[in-house]
Amino acid sequence: MTVHLHEEDIPAGLFADGASIAVDTETMGLITPRDRLCVVQLSDGGADEHLVRFAAGSDYAAPNLRALLADPGRDKLYHFARFDVAAIRHYLGVVAAPVYCTKIASRLVRTYTDRHGLKELVRELLGQEISKQQQSSDWGSPELSDAQKDYAASDVRYLHRLREELDRRLAREERMDLAQACFDFLPHRAALDLAGWPEIDIFAHV
């Protein structure tokens, strides 16, 4: 596998038309308007992963990346889509949908556990180990280390295979329609987060 680093945008025509794209983001922190978007990771499920790094002060123009993410004919696969969709919308100005979220799918079918992190999913469903050592590193650095690049790539490397296994389980438990309804709502959930309702359940009675 090869990890490709791009600055500020991807080349035109990088991915085949209609191919589903695994997507992840790295930011300076967890508060989207405060903590800038630093890296967007992409994979079509093939042998390579692509990282797009944004420098401090970037205008996030990225026309090729924005067109890819906004393409309604491509599924975008995430793990915890709520955060990534919000970050992409805030900084790149596009709604990166249609959405598939492996974390939500896991919560719907792996009800025998409360461990729904990517590391646990990859271990149980695919029998592989991934490292989370670089999760809290400085993603705003002008130079990304090899360890950071490999960590970032691993966040999208397995999502296509996870989707296949999770879809089998969703179908088996007859929860595919429920999952799809959740996925369809995720861009709206991200919009609520950005609008100031991150921790409030607006559907609650009180």
N, C-alpha and C. Protein backbone atom coordinates (compact mmCIF):
# COMPACT_ATOMS: atom_id res chain seq x y z
N MET A 1 0.84 -1.20 0.00
CA MET A 1 0.00 0.00 0.00
C MET A 1 0.88 1.25 0.00
N THR A 2 0.42 2.28 -0.72
CA THR A 2 1.17 3.53 -0.80
C THR A 2 0.28 4.66 -0.30
N VAL A 3 0.87 5.54 0.51
CA VAL A 3 0.17 6.71 1.01
C VAL A 3 0.68 7.93 0.23
N HIS A 4 -0.25 8.63 -0.41
CA HIS A 4 0.11 9.80 -1.23
C HIS A 4 -0.30 11.07 -0.49
N LEU A 5 0.61 12.02 -0.38
CA LEU A 5 0.33 13.29 0.28
C LEU A 5 0.17 14.38 -0.77
N HIS A 6 -0.96 15.08 -0.71
CA HIS A 6 -1.24 16.19 -1.61
C HIS A 6 -1.37 17.47 -0.79
N GLU A 7 -0.99 18.58 -1.37
CA GLU A 7 -1.10 19.87 -0.69
C GLU A 7 -2.29 20.67 -1.23
N GLU A 8 -3.24 20.96 -0.38
CA GLU A 8 -4.35 21.88 -0.64
C GLU A 8 -5.45 21.33 -1.57
N ASP A 9 -5.20 20.29 -2.34
CA ASP A 9 -6.23 19.72 -3.21
C ASP A 9 -5.74 18.39 -3.76
N ILE A 10 -6.64 17.65 -4.38
CA ILE A 10 -6.28 16.42 -5.07
C ILE A 10 -6.20 16.69 -6.58
N PRO A 11 -5.47 15.86 -7.32
CA PRO A 11 -5.48 16.01 -8.79
C PRO A 11 -6.86 15.70 -9.35
N ALA A 12 -7.19 16.32 -10.46
CA ALA A 12 -8.46 16.02 -11.13
C ALA A 12 -8.45 14.57 -11.61
N GLY A 13 -9.62 13.92 -11.52
CA GLY A 13 -9.75 12.56 -12.02
C GLY A 13 -9.01 11.51 -11.23
N LEU A 14 -8.77 11.78 -9.96
CA LEU A 14 -7.99 10.85 -9.14
C LEU A 14 -8.72 9.53 -8.94
N PHE A 15 -10.04 9.57 -8.80
CA PHE A 15 -10.84 8.37 -8.55
C PHE A 15 -11.81 8.11 -9.70
N ALA A 16 -12.10 6.85 -9.94
CA ALA A 16 -13.04 6.48 -11.00
C ALA A 16 -14.43 7.04 -10.71
N ASP A 17 -15.15 7.36 -11.75
CA ASP A 17 -16.51 7.89 -11.60
C ASP A 17 -17.39 6.91 -10.82
N GLY A 18 -18.12 7.45 -9.86
CA GLY A 18 -19.08 6.65 -9.12
C GLY A 18 -18.53 5.79 -8.02
N ALA A 19 -17.20 5.70 -7.90
CA ALA A 19 -16.62 4.86 -6.85
C ALA A 19 -16.92 5.44 -5.47
N SER A 20 -17.30 4.58 -4.52
CA SER A 20 -17.50 5.05 -3.15
C SER A 20 -16.15 5.41 -2.56
N ILE A 21 -16.14 6.44 -1.70
CA ILE A 21 -14.89 6.97 -1.16
C ILE A 21 -14.95 6.97 0.36
N ALA A 22 -13.97 6.33 0.96
CA ALA A 22 -13.82 6.41 2.42
C ALA A 22 -13.18 7.76 2.75
N VAL A 23 -13.71 8.42 3.78
CA VAL A 23 -13.28 9.78 4.11
C VAL A 23 -13.05 9.89 5.61
N ASP A 24 -12.00 10.62 5.97
CA ASP A 24 -11.76 10.94 7.38
C ASP A 24 -11.11 12.32 7.42
N THR A 25 -11.09 12.92 8.60
CA THR A 25 -10.45 14.22 8.76
C THR A 25 -9.57 14.22 10.01
N GLU A 26 -8.54 15.06 9.96
CA GLU A 26 -7.74 15.35 11.14
C GLU A 26 -7.79 16.86 11.36
N THR A 27 -8.06 17.25 12.59
CA THR A 27 -8.19 18.67 12.93
C THR A 27 -7.30 18.99 14.12
N MET A 28 -7.23 20.26 14.47
CA MET A 28 -6.42 20.68 15.62
C MET A 28 -7.07 20.34 16.95
N GLY A 29 -8.32 19.93 16.94
CA GLY A 29 -9.04 19.58 18.16
C GLY A 29 -10.45 19.18 17.82
N LEU A 30 -11.30 19.15 18.83
CA LEU A 30 -12.65 18.62 18.66
C LEU A 30 -13.74 19.68 18.58
N ILE A 31 -13.37 20.95 18.66
CA ILE A 31 -14.36 22.03 18.54
C ILE A 31 -14.22 22.61 17.14
N THR A 32 -15.16 22.26 16.28
CA THR A 32 -14.99 22.50 14.84
C THR A 32 -14.73 23.96 14.46
N PRO A 33 -15.50 24.93 14.95
CA PRO A 33 -15.22 26.31 14.52
C PRO A 33 -13.89 26.85 15.04
N ARG A 34 -13.39 26.30 16.13
CA ARG A 34 -12.13 26.77 16.71
C ARG A 34 -10.93 26.04 16.15
N ASP A 35 -11.07 24.73 15.95
CA ASP A 35 -9.92 23.86 15.67
C ASP A 35 -9.90 23.51 14.19
N ARG A 36 -9.00 24.14 13.47
CA ARG A 36 -9.04 24.09 12.01
C ARG A 36 -8.83 22.69 11.44
N LEU A 37 -9.37 22.52 10.25
CA LEU A 37 -9.19 21.29 9.48
C LEU A 37 -7.77 21.27 8.91
N CYS A 38 -7.05 20.17 9.18
CA CYS A 38 -5.65 20.06 8.75
C CYS A 38 -5.45 19.05 7.63
N VAL A 39 -6.14 17.92 7.70
CA VAL A 39 -5.93 16.83 6.74
C VAL A 39 -7.27 16.19 6.41
N VAL A 40 -7.47 15.85 5.14
CA VAL A 40 -8.59 15.01 4.71
C VAL A 40 -7.99 13.76 4.09
N GLN A 41 -8.44 12.60 4.55
CA GLN A 41 -7.95 11.32 4.05
C GLN A 41 -9.01 10.69 3.15
N LEU A 42 -8.55 10.02 2.09
CA LEU A 42 -9.45 9.45 1.09
C LEU A 42 -8.95 8.08 0.65
N SER A 43 -9.90 7.17 0.39
CA SER A 43 -9.56 5.87 -0.18
C SER A 43 -10.75 5.35 -0.97
N ASP A 44 -10.47 4.73 -2.13
CA ASP A 44 -11.54 4.10 -2.90
C ASP A 44 -11.60 2.60 -2.64
N GLY A 45 -10.88 2.14 -1.61
CA GLY A 45 -10.86 0.73 -1.28
C GLY A 45 -9.76 -0.03 -1.98
N GLY A 46 -8.97 0.66 -2.80
CA GLY A 46 -7.86 0.03 -3.50
C GLY A 46 -6.59 0.02 -2.66
N ALA A 47 -5.47 -0.09 -3.34
CA ALA A 47 -4.19 -0.28 -2.65
C ALA A 47 -3.62 1.01 -2.05
N ASP A 48 -4.09 2.16 -2.52
CA ASP A 48 -3.50 3.43 -2.10
C ASP A 48 -4.47 4.27 -1.27
N GLU A 49 -3.89 5.09 -0.40
CA GLU A 49 -4.66 6.09 0.32
C GLU A 49 -4.09 7.46 -0.03
N HIS A 50 -4.96 8.47 0.01
CA HIS A 50 -4.56 9.83 -0.36
C HIS A 50 -4.87 10.78 0.79
N LEU A 51 -3.90 11.59 1.14
CA LEU A 51 -4.03 12.58 2.21
C LEU A 51 -3.94 13.97 1.58
N VAL A 52 -4.85 14.85 1.96
CA VAL A 52 -4.81 16.24 1.51
C VAL A 52 -4.51 17.11 2.72
N ARG A 53 -3.35 17.77 2.71
CA ARG A 53 -2.95 18.61 3.85
C ARG A 53 -3.27 20.07 3.55
N PHE A 54 -3.85 20.74 4.55
CA PHE A 54 -4.15 22.17 4.44
C PHE A 54 -3.25 22.93 5.41
N ALA A 55 -2.55 23.92 4.89
CA ALA A 55 -1.63 24.71 5.71
C ALA A 55 -2.41 25.72 6.55
N ALA A 56 -1.76 26.23 7.59
CA ALA A 56 -2.34 27.33 8.36
C ALA A 56 -2.61 28.50 7.43
N GLY A 57 -3.79 29.10 7.55
CA GLY A 57 -4.16 30.21 6.68
C GLY A 57 -4.73 29.79 5.34
N SER A 58 -4.95 28.50 5.14
CA SER A 58 -5.52 28.02 3.87
C SER A 58 -6.89 28.64 3.62
N ASP A 59 -7.18 28.85 2.32
CA ASP A 59 -8.53 29.32 1.98
C ASP A 59 -9.47 28.15 1.66
N TYR A 60 -8.93 26.92 1.72
CA TYR A 60 -9.73 25.70 1.50
C TYR A 60 -10.48 25.74 0.17
N ALA A 61 -9.87 26.32 -0.85
CA ALA A 61 -10.53 26.39 -2.15
C ALA A 61 -10.74 24.98 -2.72
N ALA A 62 -9.69 24.20 -2.86
CA ALA A 62 -9.71 22.77 -3.19
C ALA A 62 -10.85 22.36 -4.12
N PRO A 63 -10.90 22.89 -5.34
CA PRO A 63 -12.06 22.61 -6.20
C PRO A 63 -12.25 21.14 -6.53
N ASN A 64 -11.16 20.40 -6.74
CA ASN A 64 -11.31 18.98 -7.07
C ASN A 64 -11.82 18.17 -5.88
N LEU A 65 -11.28 18.46 -4.71
CA LEU A 65 -11.72 17.77 -3.51
C LEU A 65 -13.17 18.11 -3.19
N ARG A 66 -13.53 19.36 -3.29
CA ARG A 66 -14.90 19.76 -3.00
C ARG A 66 -15.88 19.10 -3.96
N ALA A 67 -15.52 19.02 -5.23
CA ALA A 67 -16.40 18.37 -6.19
C ALA A 67 -16.56 16.88 -5.87
N LEU A 68 -15.48 16.24 -5.49
CA LEU A 68 -15.53 14.82 -5.13
C LEU A 68 -16.45 14.60 -3.94
N LEU A 69 -16.28 15.40 -2.89
CA LEU A 69 -17.04 15.21 -1.67
C LEU A 69 -18.52 15.57 -1.85
N ALA A 70 -18.80 16.51 -2.71
CA ALA A 70 -20.19 16.95 -2.92
C ALA A 70 -20.93 16.10 -3.95
N ASP A 71 -20.23 15.20 -4.62
CA ASP A 71 -20.82 14.39 -5.69
C ASP A 71 -21.95 13.51 -5.14
N PRO A 72 -23.19 13.74 -5.54
CA PRO A 72 -24.31 12.94 -5.01
C PRO A 72 -24.31 11.51 -5.53
N GLY A 73 -23.49 11.22 -6.53
CA GLY A 73 -23.43 9.87 -7.07
C GLY A 73 -22.39 8.98 -6.41
N ARG A 74 -21.73 9.47 -5.39
CA ARG A 74 -20.71 8.69 -4.67
C ARG A 74 -21.09 8.56 -3.21
N ASP A 75 -21.13 7.35 -2.69
CA ASP A 75 -21.24 7.18 -1.25
C ASP A 75 -19.93 7.59 -0.60
N LYS A 76 -20.04 8.25 0.56
CA LYS A 76 -18.87 8.58 1.37
C LYS A 76 -18.94 7.76 2.65
N LEU A 77 -17.92 6.99 2.90
CA LEU A 77 -17.87 6.10 4.06
C LEU A 77 -17.05 6.76 5.16
N TYR A 78 -17.59 6.76 6.36
CA TYR A 78 -16.91 7.37 7.50
C TYR A 78 -16.97 6.43 8.70
N HIS A 79 -16.11 6.73 9.67
CA HIS A 79 -16.30 6.20 11.01
C HIS A 79 -16.49 7.41 11.91
N PHE A 80 -17.69 7.55 12.46
CA PHE A 80 -18.16 8.73 13.18
C PHE A 80 -18.32 9.90 12.21
N ALA A 81 -19.23 9.71 11.28
CA ALA A 81 -19.48 10.69 10.22
C ALA A 81 -19.92 12.05 10.77
N ARG A 82 -20.58 12.06 11.88
CA ARG A 82 -21.11 13.31 12.43
C ARG A 82 -20.02 14.37 12.54
N PHE A 83 -18.85 13.99 13.02
CA PHE A 83 -17.76 14.95 13.19
C PHE A 83 -17.17 15.36 11.85
N ASP A 84 -16.88 14.38 11.00
CA ASP A 84 -16.21 14.67 9.73
C ASP A 84 -17.10 15.49 8.80
N VAL A 85 -18.38 15.16 8.74
CA VAL A 85 -19.30 15.90 7.87
C VAL A 85 -19.39 17.36 8.32
N ALA A 86 -19.39 17.58 9.64
CA ALA A 86 -19.44 18.95 10.16
C ALA A 86 -18.16 19.72 9.82
N ALA A 87 -17.00 19.08 9.99
CA ALA A 87 -15.73 19.75 9.70
C ALA A 87 -15.63 20.10 8.22
N ILE A 88 -16.02 19.17 7.37
CA ILE A 88 -15.96 19.41 5.92
C ILE A 88 -16.92 20.52 5.52
N ARG A 89 -18.10 20.51 6.09
CA ARG A 89 -19.07 21.56 5.76
C ARG A 89 -18.57 22.93 6.22
N HIS A 90 -18.00 22.99 7.41
CA HIS A 90 -17.55 24.27 7.97
C HIS A 90 -16.38 24.84 7.19
N TYR A 91 -15.42 24.01 6.84
CA TYR A 91 -14.19 24.51 6.22
C TYR A 91 -14.20 24.46 4.70
N LEU A 92 -14.79 23.43 4.12
CA LEU A 92 -14.79 23.30 2.66
C LEU A 92 -16.09 23.76 2.02
N GLY A 93 -17.12 23.95 2.84
CA GLY A 93 -18.36 24.53 2.34
C GLY A 93 -19.22 23.60 1.52
N VAL A 94 -19.04 22.28 1.69
CA VAL A 94 -19.87 21.31 0.96
C VAL A 94 -20.43 20.28 1.93
N VAL A 95 -21.57 19.71 1.55
CA VAL A 95 -22.15 18.61 2.33
C VAL A 95 -21.65 17.31 1.70
N ALA A 96 -20.79 16.61 2.43
CA ALA A 96 -20.12 15.42 1.90
C ALA A 96 -21.01 14.19 2.11
N ALA A 97 -22.00 14.07 1.25
CA ALA A 97 -23.00 13.00 1.30
C ALA A 97 -23.18 12.45 -0.11
N PRO A 98 -23.87 11.32 -0.27
CA PRO A 98 -24.52 10.43 0.70
C PRO A 98 -23.52 9.81 1.68
N VAL A 99 -24.06 9.52 2.88
CA VAL A 99 -23.24 9.11 4.01
C VAL A 99 -23.46 7.65 4.35
N TYR A 100 -22.35 6.97 4.72
CA TYR A 100 -22.41 5.67 5.39
C TYR A 100 -21.48 5.78 6.58
N CYS A 101 -21.97 5.44 7.77
CA CYS A 101 -21.16 5.57 8.98
C CYS A 101 -20.99 4.20 9.64
N THR A 102 -19.74 3.73 9.71
CA THR A 102 -19.49 2.42 10.30
C THR A 102 -19.75 2.41 11.81
N LYS A 103 -19.63 3.57 12.45
CA LYS A 103 -19.89 3.62 13.90
C LYS A 103 -21.38 3.43 14.18
N ILE A 104 -22.23 4.09 13.41
CA ILE A 104 -23.66 3.92 13.60
C ILE A 104 -24.08 2.49 13.25
N ALA A 105 -23.56 1.97 12.15
CA ALA A 105 -23.87 0.58 11.78
C ALA A 105 -23.46 -0.37 12.89
N SER A 106 -22.30 -0.13 13.48
CA SER A 106 -21.84 -0.98 14.58
C SER A 106 -22.78 -0.90 15.78
N ARG A 107 -23.20 0.30 16.12
CA ARG A 107 -24.12 0.46 17.27
C ARG A 107 -25.45 -0.26 17.03
N LEU A 108 -25.86 -0.34 15.78
CA LEU A 108 -27.14 -0.99 15.47
C LEU A 108 -27.05 -2.51 15.48
N VAL A 109 -25.88 -3.07 15.21
CA VAL A 109 -25.79 -4.53 15.12
C VAL A 109 -24.90 -5.16 16.19
N ARG A 110 -23.96 -4.41 16.75
CA ARG A 110 -23.08 -4.98 17.79
C ARG A 110 -23.60 -4.54 19.16
N THR A 111 -24.85 -4.87 19.44
CA THR A 111 -25.48 -4.45 20.68
C THR A 111 -24.98 -5.25 21.89
N TYR A 112 -24.10 -6.21 21.64
CA TYR A 112 -23.52 -7.01 22.72
C TYR A 112 -22.29 -6.34 23.32
N THR A 113 -21.94 -5.13 22.85
CA THR A 113 -20.76 -4.43 23.37
C THR A 113 -21.00 -2.94 23.33
N ASP A 114 -20.23 -2.20 24.13
CA ASP A 114 -20.26 -0.75 24.05
C ASP A 114 -18.98 -0.21 23.42
N ARG A 115 -18.20 -1.07 22.81
CA ARG A 115 -16.93 -0.70 22.19
C ARG A 115 -17.11 -0.60 20.67
N HIS A 116 -17.24 0.63 20.21
CA HIS A 116 -17.55 0.85 18.80
C HIS A 116 -16.48 1.70 18.11
N GLY A 117 -15.30 1.80 18.71
CA GLY A 117 -14.22 2.52 18.07
C GLY A 117 -13.70 1.78 16.85
N LEU A 118 -13.01 2.51 15.97
CA LEU A 118 -12.49 1.90 14.75
C LEU A 118 -11.52 0.78 15.06
N LYS A 119 -10.67 0.97 16.06
CA LYS A 119 -9.69 -0.06 16.43
C LYS A 119 -10.38 -1.37 16.80
N GLU A 120 -11.47 -1.28 17.59
CA GLU A 120 -12.19 -2.47 18.00
C GLU A 120 -12.91 -3.13 16.82
N LEU A 121 -13.48 -2.31 15.95
CA LEU A 121 -14.18 -2.85 14.79
C LEU A 121 -13.23 -3.60 13.85
N VAL A 122 -12.09 -3.00 13.58
CA VAL A 122 -11.12 -3.64 12.69
C VAL A 122 -10.61 -4.94 13.29
N ARG A 123 -10.40 -4.92 14.59
CA ARG A 123 -9.91 -6.14 15.25
C ARG A 123 -10.94 -7.26 15.18
N GLU A 124 -12.20 -6.96 15.54
CA GLU A 124 -13.20 -8.01 15.60
C GLU A 124 -13.68 -8.47 14.23
N LEU A 125 -13.97 -7.52 13.35
CA LEU A 125 -14.59 -7.87 12.07
C LEU A 125 -13.58 -8.29 11.01
N LEU A 126 -12.36 -7.74 11.09
CA LEU A 126 -11.38 -8.01 10.04
C LEU A 126 -10.15 -8.76 10.54
N GLY A 127 -10.02 -8.91 11.87
CA GLY A 127 -8.90 -9.65 12.43
C GLY A 127 -7.57 -8.97 12.25
N GLN A 128 -7.57 -7.63 12.21
CA GLN A 128 -6.32 -6.89 12.06
C GLN A 128 -6.19 -5.86 13.17
N GLU A 129 -4.96 -5.43 13.40
CA GLU A 129 -4.68 -4.45 14.45
C GLU A 129 -4.26 -3.12 13.83
N ILE A 130 -4.79 -2.04 14.36
CA ILE A 130 -4.32 -0.71 13.95
C ILE A 130 -3.89 0.06 15.18
N SER A 131 -2.95 0.96 15.00
CA SER A 131 -2.43 1.75 16.10
C SER A 131 -3.13 3.10 16.14
N LYS A 132 -3.44 3.55 17.36
CA LYS A 132 -4.04 4.87 17.55
C LYS A 132 -3.05 5.83 18.23
N GLN A 133 -1.77 5.53 18.14
CA GLN A 133 -0.76 6.28 18.86
C GLN A 133 -0.69 7.74 18.44
N GLN A 134 -0.92 8.00 17.14
CA GLN A 134 -0.78 9.37 16.63
C GLN A 134 -2.08 10.17 16.67
N GLN A 135 -3.10 9.63 17.30
CA GLN A 135 -4.42 10.27 17.27
C GLN A 135 -4.37 11.71 17.79
N SER A 136 -3.61 11.94 18.83
CA SER A 136 -3.59 13.26 19.46
C SER A 136 -2.34 14.07 19.11
N SER A 137 -1.72 13.78 17.99
CA SER A 137 -0.51 14.50 17.60
C SER A 137 -0.86 15.84 16.95
N ASP A 138 0.15 16.65 16.64
CA ASP A 138 -0.04 17.98 16.08
C ASP A 138 -0.27 17.89 14.58
N TRP A 139 -1.53 17.89 14.18
CA TRP A 139 -1.86 17.77 12.76
C TRP A 139 -1.68 19.07 12.01
N GLY A 140 -1.45 20.15 12.72
CA GLY A 140 -1.21 21.43 12.07
C GLY A 140 0.24 21.69 11.73
N SER A 141 1.10 20.74 12.02
CA SER A 141 2.52 20.90 11.74
C SER A 141 2.77 21.06 10.24
N PRO A 142 3.74 21.91 9.85
CA PRO A 142 4.05 22.06 8.42
C PRO A 142 4.56 20.78 7.77
N GLU A 143 5.07 19.86 8.58
CA GLU A 143 5.56 18.58 8.05
C GLU A 143 4.88 17.46 8.82
N LEU A 144 4.30 16.51 8.11
CA LEU A 144 3.72 15.34 8.75
C LEU A 144 4.75 14.22 8.79
N SER A 145 4.87 13.58 9.94
CA SER A 145 5.80 12.46 10.07
C SER A 145 5.25 11.24 9.34
N ASP A 146 6.13 10.29 9.09
CA ASP A 146 5.69 9.03 8.47
C ASP A 146 4.66 8.34 9.36
N ALA A 147 4.85 8.42 10.68
CA ALA A 147 3.90 7.79 11.60
C ALA A 147 2.53 8.46 11.51
N GLN A 148 2.50 9.78 11.39
CA GLN A 148 1.23 10.48 11.23
C GLN A 148 0.55 10.09 9.92
N LYS A 149 1.32 10.03 8.84
CA LYS A 149 0.75 9.66 7.54
C LYS A 149 0.15 8.27 7.58
N ASP A 150 0.86 7.33 8.18
CA ASP A 150 0.34 5.96 8.23
C ASP A 150 -0.89 5.88 9.11
N TYR A 151 -0.88 6.60 10.23
CA TYR A 151 -2.07 6.62 11.09
C TYR A 151 -3.26 7.18 10.34
N ALA A 152 -3.07 8.33 9.68
CA ALA A 152 -4.17 8.98 8.95
C ALA A 152 -4.71 8.05 7.86
N ALA A 153 -3.80 7.38 7.15
CA ALA A 153 -4.22 6.46 6.09
C ALA A 153 -5.00 5.29 6.65
N SER A 154 -4.61 4.81 7.82
CA SER A 154 -5.29 3.64 8.40
C SER A 154 -6.73 3.95 8.77
N ASP A 155 -7.06 5.22 8.95
CA ASP A 155 -8.44 5.58 9.29
C ASP A 155 -9.40 5.41 8.12
N VAL A 156 -8.89 5.33 6.90
CA VAL A 156 -9.76 5.09 5.75
C VAL A 156 -9.48 3.74 5.08
N ARG A 157 -8.39 3.11 5.45
CA ARG A 157 -7.92 1.90 4.77
C ARG A 157 -8.91 0.74 4.85
N TYR A 158 -9.65 0.65 5.94
CA TYR A 158 -10.48 -0.53 6.20
C TYR A 158 -11.97 -0.29 6.04
N LEU A 159 -12.38 0.93 5.72
CA LEU A 159 -13.81 1.25 5.79
C LEU A 159 -14.65 0.52 4.75
N HIS A 160 -14.13 0.30 3.56
CA HIS A 160 -14.90 -0.45 2.57
C HIS A 160 -15.16 -1.89 3.02
N ARG A 161 -14.14 -2.51 3.56
CA ARG A 161 -14.29 -3.89 4.03
C ARG A 161 -15.21 -3.95 5.25
N LEU A 162 -15.11 -2.96 6.13
CA LEU A 162 -16.02 -2.92 7.28
C LEU A 162 -17.47 -2.77 6.82
N ARG A 163 -17.68 -1.93 5.82
CA ARG A 163 -19.05 -1.75 5.32
C ARG A 163 -19.63 -3.08 4.85
N GLU A 164 -18.85 -3.85 4.13
CA GLU A 164 -19.35 -5.13 3.63
C GLU A 164 -19.80 -6.04 4.76
N GLU A 165 -18.99 -6.13 5.80
CA GLU A 165 -19.34 -7.01 6.93
C GLU A 165 -20.51 -6.45 7.72
N LEU A 166 -20.52 -5.14 7.95
CA LEU A 166 -21.61 -4.54 8.70
C LEU A 166 -22.93 -4.62 7.93
N ASP A 167 -22.87 -4.48 6.61
CA ASP A 167 -24.09 -4.63 5.81
C ASP A 167 -24.67 -6.04 5.92
N ARG A 168 -23.80 -7.03 5.96
CA ARG A 168 -24.28 -8.40 6.15
C ARG A 168 -25.03 -8.53 7.47
N ARG A 169 -24.48 -7.93 8.51
CA ARG A 169 -25.12 -8.02 9.83
C ARG A 169 -26.39 -7.19 9.89
N LEU A 170 -26.39 -6.03 9.28
CA LEU A 170 -27.61 -5.21 9.24
C LEU A 170 -28.74 -5.95 8.53
N ALA A 171 -28.41 -6.59 7.43
CA ALA A 171 -29.42 -7.37 6.70
C ALA A 171 -29.91 -8.55 7.54
N ARG A 172 -28.99 -9.23 8.20
CA ARG A 172 -29.34 -10.39 9.03
C ARG A 172 -30.29 -10.00 10.15
N GLU A 173 -30.05 -8.83 10.77
CA GLU A 173 -30.87 -8.38 11.89
C GLU A 173 -32.05 -7.52 11.45
N GLU A 174 -32.22 -7.37 10.15
CA GLU A 174 -33.33 -6.60 9.57
C GLU A 174 -33.33 -5.15 10.06
N ARG A 175 -32.15 -4.55 10.03
CA ARG A 175 -31.99 -3.16 10.48
C ARG A 175 -31.40 -2.27 9.39
N MET A 176 -31.39 -2.73 8.16
CA MET A 176 -30.81 -1.95 7.08
C MET A 176 -31.57 -0.66 6.84
N ASP A 177 -32.90 -0.72 6.84
CA ASP A 177 -33.70 0.48 6.61
C ASP A 177 -33.49 1.49 7.73
N LEU A 178 -33.41 1.01 8.96
CA LEU A 178 -33.16 1.90 10.09
C LEU A 178 -31.80 2.56 9.96
N ALA A 179 -30.80 1.78 9.58
CA ALA A 179 -29.46 2.33 9.39
C ALA A 179 -29.47 3.41 8.31
N GLN A 180 -30.14 3.13 7.20
CA GLN A 180 -30.16 4.11 6.11
C GLN A 180 -30.83 5.40 6.55
N ALA A 181 -31.88 5.30 7.33
CA ALA A 181 -32.55 6.50 7.84
C ALA A 181 -31.59 7.32 8.71
N CYS A 182 -30.80 6.64 9.52
CA CYS A 182 -29.81 7.33 10.36
C CYS A 182 -28.75 8.00 9.49
N PHE A 183 -28.27 7.28 8.47
CA PHE A 183 -27.26 7.85 7.58
C PHE A 183 -27.80 9.10 6.87
N ASP A 184 -29.04 9.03 6.43
CA ASP A 184 -29.64 10.16 5.71
C ASP A 184 -29.77 11.39 6.62
N PHE A 185 -29.95 11.14 7.92
CA PHE A 185 -30.11 12.26 8.86
C PHE A 185 -28.78 12.89 9.26
N LEU A 186 -27.68 12.19 9.09
CA LEU A 186 -26.40 12.66 9.61
C LEU A 186 -25.99 14.06 9.14
N PRO A 187 -26.16 14.42 7.88
CA PRO A 187 -25.83 15.81 7.51
C PRO A 187 -26.63 16.84 8.29
N HIS A 188 -27.86 16.51 8.64
CA HIS A 188 -28.68 17.43 9.43
C HIS A 188 -28.20 17.47 10.88
N ARG A 189 -27.77 16.31 11.40
CA ARG A 189 -27.21 16.28 12.75
C ARG A 189 -25.94 17.12 12.81
N ALA A 190 -25.12 17.05 11.78
CA ALA A 190 -23.90 17.86 11.72
C ALA A 190 -24.25 19.35 11.64
N ALA A 191 -25.30 19.67 10.88
CA ALA A 191 -25.73 21.08 10.79
C ALA A 191 -26.21 21.59 12.14
N LEU A 192 -26.92 20.76 12.89
CA LEU A 192 -27.34 21.15 14.24
C LEU A 192 -26.13 21.40 15.14
N ASP A 193 -25.12 20.55 15.03
CA ASP A 193 -23.89 20.75 15.81
C ASP A 193 -23.29 22.12 15.50
N LEU A 194 -23.16 22.42 14.22
CA LEU A 194 -22.54 23.69 13.82
C LEU A 194 -23.39 24.89 14.21
N ALA A 195 -24.72 24.69 14.29
CA ALA A 195 -25.63 25.80 14.61
C ALA A 195 -25.77 26.03 16.11
N GLY A 196 -25.14 25.17 16.94
CA GLY A 196 -25.16 25.43 18.38
C GLY A 196 -25.92 24.45 19.22
N TRP A 197 -26.32 23.31 18.65
CA TRP A 197 -27.03 22.28 19.41
C TRP A 197 -26.23 20.98 19.47
N PRO A 198 -24.95 21.02 19.87
CA PRO A 198 -24.14 19.80 19.83
C PRO A 198 -24.53 18.76 20.87
N GLU A 199 -24.94 19.18 22.05
CA GLU A 199 -25.21 18.24 23.14
C GLU A 199 -26.67 18.23 23.56
N ILE A 200 -27.52 18.90 22.81
CA ILE A 200 -28.94 19.00 23.17
C ILE A 200 -29.76 18.09 22.27
N ASP A 201 -30.58 17.26 22.86
CA ASP A 201 -31.49 16.39 22.10
C ASP A 201 -32.77 17.16 21.86
N ILE A 202 -32.95 17.71 20.67
CA ILE A 202 -34.13 18.53 20.41
C ILE A 202 -35.39 17.70 20.32
N PHE A 203 -35.25 16.36 20.30
CA PHE A 203 -36.41 15.48 20.27
C PHE A 203 -36.86 15.09 21.68
N ALA A 204 -36.07 15.44 22.68
CA ALA A 204 -36.40 15.06 24.05
C ALA A 204 -37.61 15.83 24.56
N HIS A 205 -38.33 15.24 25.54
CA HIS A 205 -39.52 15.89 26.10
C HIS A 205 -39.14 17.11 26.92
N VAL A 206 -38.02 17.03 27.65
CA VAL A 206 -37.59 18.16 28.48
C VAL A 206 -36.16 18.51 28.15
